[in-house]
Amino acid sequence: MAYFQLHRSLTLLAVAVCLCAVVGHSRNSRAAEVPSPARQSAASPADAITGDWRPSDMPDVDVRIFPANGKYVGGIVKAANPALVNTEMLREIEYVPASQSWKGEVFALKRGMFVPMTIRMTGSGFEMVAGAGILSRTIEWVRVDGAASNVPQPAP
């Protein structure tokens, strides 16, 4: 049991070190100014991606995706390690209407850099394929409970 706790502590420390390298970058980016969900509004099908999400491989992290400068970005809004809050995790996300998907970049913790990714909505949230070819990885994301869905609604 002690080995498991030590391994988990070292893993969390490695994640924190990797993400701290991004903090300097994110402090000057729009992700450092993560808007609250109340200020978000869905104007098109592309906005279905907006809101608070949790990746299956990081159950103690919530990421808020929001529009910025004609694209979408995502920043950490909740984490077990408070130093990670406001860290940019997703950037340069654009909606591709023909495939009803989003393309952009995600910060790969193990590589310590941003890598290409694609997002497709699923019945339970969305599926992200990060990386390319043999180095790609698929991660399921779910909407955080209590966060309102931002799927476009008809006008009253």
Protein backbone atom coordinates (compact mmCIF):
# COMPACT_ATOMS: atom_id res chain seq x y z
CA MET A 1 0.00 0.00 0.00
CA ALA A 2 2.84 2.41 0.82
CA TYR A 3 4.34 1.79 -2.63
CA PHE A 4 1.04 2.71 -4.28
CA GLN A 5 0.78 5.92 -2.26
CA LEU A 6 4.39 6.83 -3.07
CA HIS A 7 3.83 6.10 -6.77
CA ARG A 8 0.64 8.21 -6.82
CA SER A 9 2.41 11.07 -5.01
CA LEU A 10 5.31 10.98 -7.48
CA THR A 11 2.89 10.86 -10.41
CA LEU A 12 0.97 13.88 -9.11
CA LEU A 13 4.25 15.71 -8.55
CA ALA A 14 5.33 14.95 -12.14
CA VAL A 15 1.98 16.24 -13.44
CA ALA A 16 2.35 19.41 -11.38
CA VAL A 17 5.88 20.00 -12.65
CA CYS A 18 4.81 19.50 -16.27
CA LEU A 19 1.83 21.79 -15.91
CA CYS A 20 3.81 24.44 -14.05
CA ALA A 21 5.88 24.85 -17.19
CA VAL A 22 2.69 25.90 -18.94
CA VAL A 23 1.56 28.28 -16.21
CA GLY A 24 3.93 31.00 -17.37
CA HIS A 25 2.49 30.67 -20.88
CA SER A 26 -1.10 30.55 -19.67
CA ARG A 27 -0.73 33.57 -17.41
CA ASN A 28 -0.43 35.66 -20.57
CA SER A 29 -3.20 33.82 -22.42
CA ARG A 30 -6.97 34.03 -22.42
CA ALA A 31 -7.23 30.73 -20.48
CA ALA A 32 -5.96 32.57 -17.41
CA GLU A 33 -9.21 34.55 -17.55
CA VAL A 34 -11.66 31.66 -17.58
CA PRO A 35 -15.19 33.08 -17.81
CA SER A 36 -17.97 31.73 -15.62
CA PRO A 37 -20.54 29.45 -17.28
CA ALA A 38 -23.25 32.05 -16.62
CA ARG A 39 -21.64 34.39 -19.17
CA GLN A 40 -21.53 31.73 -21.87
CA SER A 41 -24.27 31.39 -24.44
CA ALA A 42 -24.72 28.95 -27.27
CA ALA A 43 -25.11 30.64 -30.63
CA SER A 44 -24.34 27.75 -33.01
CA PRO A 45 -23.78 23.97 -33.09
CA ALA A 46 -20.08 24.69 -32.58
CA ASP A 47 -20.92 25.98 -29.08
CA ALA A 48 -22.01 22.48 -27.95
CA ILE A 49 -18.41 22.08 -26.78
CA THR A 50 -18.63 24.97 -24.30
CA GLY A 51 -19.01 24.35 -20.60
CA ASP A 52 -17.27 22.45 -17.83
CA TRP A 53 -15.85 19.01 -18.64
CA ARG A 54 -13.88 16.28 -16.86
CA PRO A 55 -11.43 13.98 -18.68
CA SER A 56 -11.69 10.31 -17.66
CA ASP A 57 -7.93 10.07 -17.11
CA MET A 58 -7.89 13.05 -14.70
CA PRO A 59 -10.94 12.63 -12.39
CA ASP A 60 -9.87 15.46 -10.06
CA VAL A 61 -9.61 18.08 -12.82
CA ASP A 62 -12.40 20.16 -14.39
CA VAL A 63 -11.74 22.05 -17.62
CA ARG A 64 -13.91 24.92 -18.86
CA ILE A 65 -14.13 25.30 -22.65
CA PHE A 66 -15.21 28.70 -23.92
CA PRO A 67 -15.03 30.84 -27.08
CA ALA A 68 -12.11 33.23 -27.48
CA ASN A 69 -11.13 35.25 -30.55
CA GLY A 70 -13.26 33.20 -32.97
CA LYS A 71 -11.97 29.84 -31.68
CA TYR A 72 -12.32 27.87 -28.45
CA VAL A 73 -9.90 27.38 -25.57
CA GLY A 74 -10.00 25.38 -22.36
CA GLY A 75 -8.57 26.14 -18.95
CA ILE A 76 -8.51 24.24 -15.68
CA VAL A 77 -11.10 25.64 -13.26
CA LYS A 78 -10.84 22.96 -10.54
CA ALA A 79 -8.00 20.64 -9.54
CA ALA A 80 -6.71 18.80 -6.49
CA ASN A 81 -3.57 20.92 -6.89
CA PRO A 82 -4.68 24.60 -6.71
CA ALA A 83 -1.54 25.66 -8.63
CA LEU A 84 -3.07 24.10 -11.74
CA VAL A 85 -6.18 26.32 -11.73
CA ASN A 86 -6.22 28.72 -14.73
CA THR A 87 -3.70 26.60 -16.63
CA GLU A 88 -4.41 26.43 -20.36
CA MET A 89 -5.12 22.81 -21.40
CA LEU A 90 -6.83 23.25 -24.78
CA ARG A 91 -6.15 25.86 -27.44
CA GLU A 92 -6.80 26.83 -31.05
CA ILE A 93 -9.98 24.73 -31.21
CA GLU A 94 -12.03 25.20 -34.37
CA TYR A 95 -15.34 23.61 -35.36
CA VAL A 96 -15.33 21.60 -38.61
CA PRO A 97 -18.98 21.58 -39.82
CA ALA A 98 -18.46 18.90 -42.51
CA SER A 99 -17.40 16.31 -39.92
CA GLN A 100 -19.25 17.84 -36.94
CA SER A 101 -16.01 17.73 -34.99
CA TRP A 102 -13.51 20.13 -33.45
CA LYS A 103 -9.77 20.28 -34.12
CA GLY A 104 -7.15 21.99 -32.01
CA GLU A 105 -4.39 21.27 -29.51
CA VAL A 106 -4.27 19.72 -26.04
CA PHE A 107 -1.43 19.85 -23.53
CA ALA A 108 0.08 16.34 -23.28
CA LEU A 109 1.37 15.95 -19.73
CA LYS A 110 3.79 13.12 -20.48
CA ARG A 111 5.32 14.98 -23.43
CA GLY A 112 5.26 18.39 -21.78
CA MET A 113 3.92 20.05 -24.94
CA PHE A 114 0.79 20.77 -26.94
CA VAL A 115 -0.21 18.08 -29.45
CA PRO A 116 -2.94 18.00 -32.13
CA MET A 117 -6.35 16.65 -31.11
CA THR A 118 -9.82 16.01 -32.51
CA ILE A 119 -13.09 16.05 -30.55
CA ARG A 120 -16.34 14.29 -31.48
CA MET A 121 -19.51 14.47 -29.40
CA THR A 122 -20.88 11.20 -27.99
CA GLY A 123 -24.05 10.30 -26.12
CA SER A 124 -22.31 10.71 -22.77
CA GLY A 125 -20.03 13.68 -23.53
CA PHE A 126 -17.21 13.79 -26.05
CA GLU A 127 -14.31 11.69 -27.20
CA MET A 128 -10.92 13.28 -27.73
CA VAL A 129 -8.20 11.71 -29.86
CA ALA A 130 -4.93 13.37 -28.86
CA GLY A 131 -1.69 12.99 -30.77
CA ALA A 132 -1.15 11.37 -34.14
CA GLY A 133 -0.67 7.87 -35.47
CA ILE A 134 0.87 5.31 -33.15
CA LEU A 135 1.33 7.98 -30.47
CA SER A 136 -2.38 8.89 -30.36
CA ARG A 137 -4.58 8.34 -27.34
CA THR A 138 -8.38 8.40 -26.98
CA ILE A 139 -9.84 10.02 -23.87
CA GLU A 140 -13.51 10.19 -22.88
CA TRP A 141 -14.73 13.47 -21.37
CA VAL A 142 -18.02 13.98 -19.49
CA ARG A 143 -19.86 17.17 -18.71
CA VAL A 144 -19.43 18.16 -15.06
CA ASP A 145 -22.62 17.66 -13.04
CA GLY A 146 -24.47 20.88 -12.43
CA ALA A 147 -22.99 22.64 -15.46
CA ALA A 148 -25.73 23.68 -17.82
CA SER A 149 -25.57 22.33 -21.34
CA ASN A 150 -24.87 25.04 -23.86
CA VAL A 151 -26.52 23.33 -26.80
CA PRO A 152 -28.33 25.95 -28.91
CA GLN A 153 -31.97 26.50 -27.90
CA PRO A 154 -34.70 27.91 -30.15
CA ALA A 155 -35.57 31.56 -29.58
CA PRO A 156 -38.79 32.13 -27.54
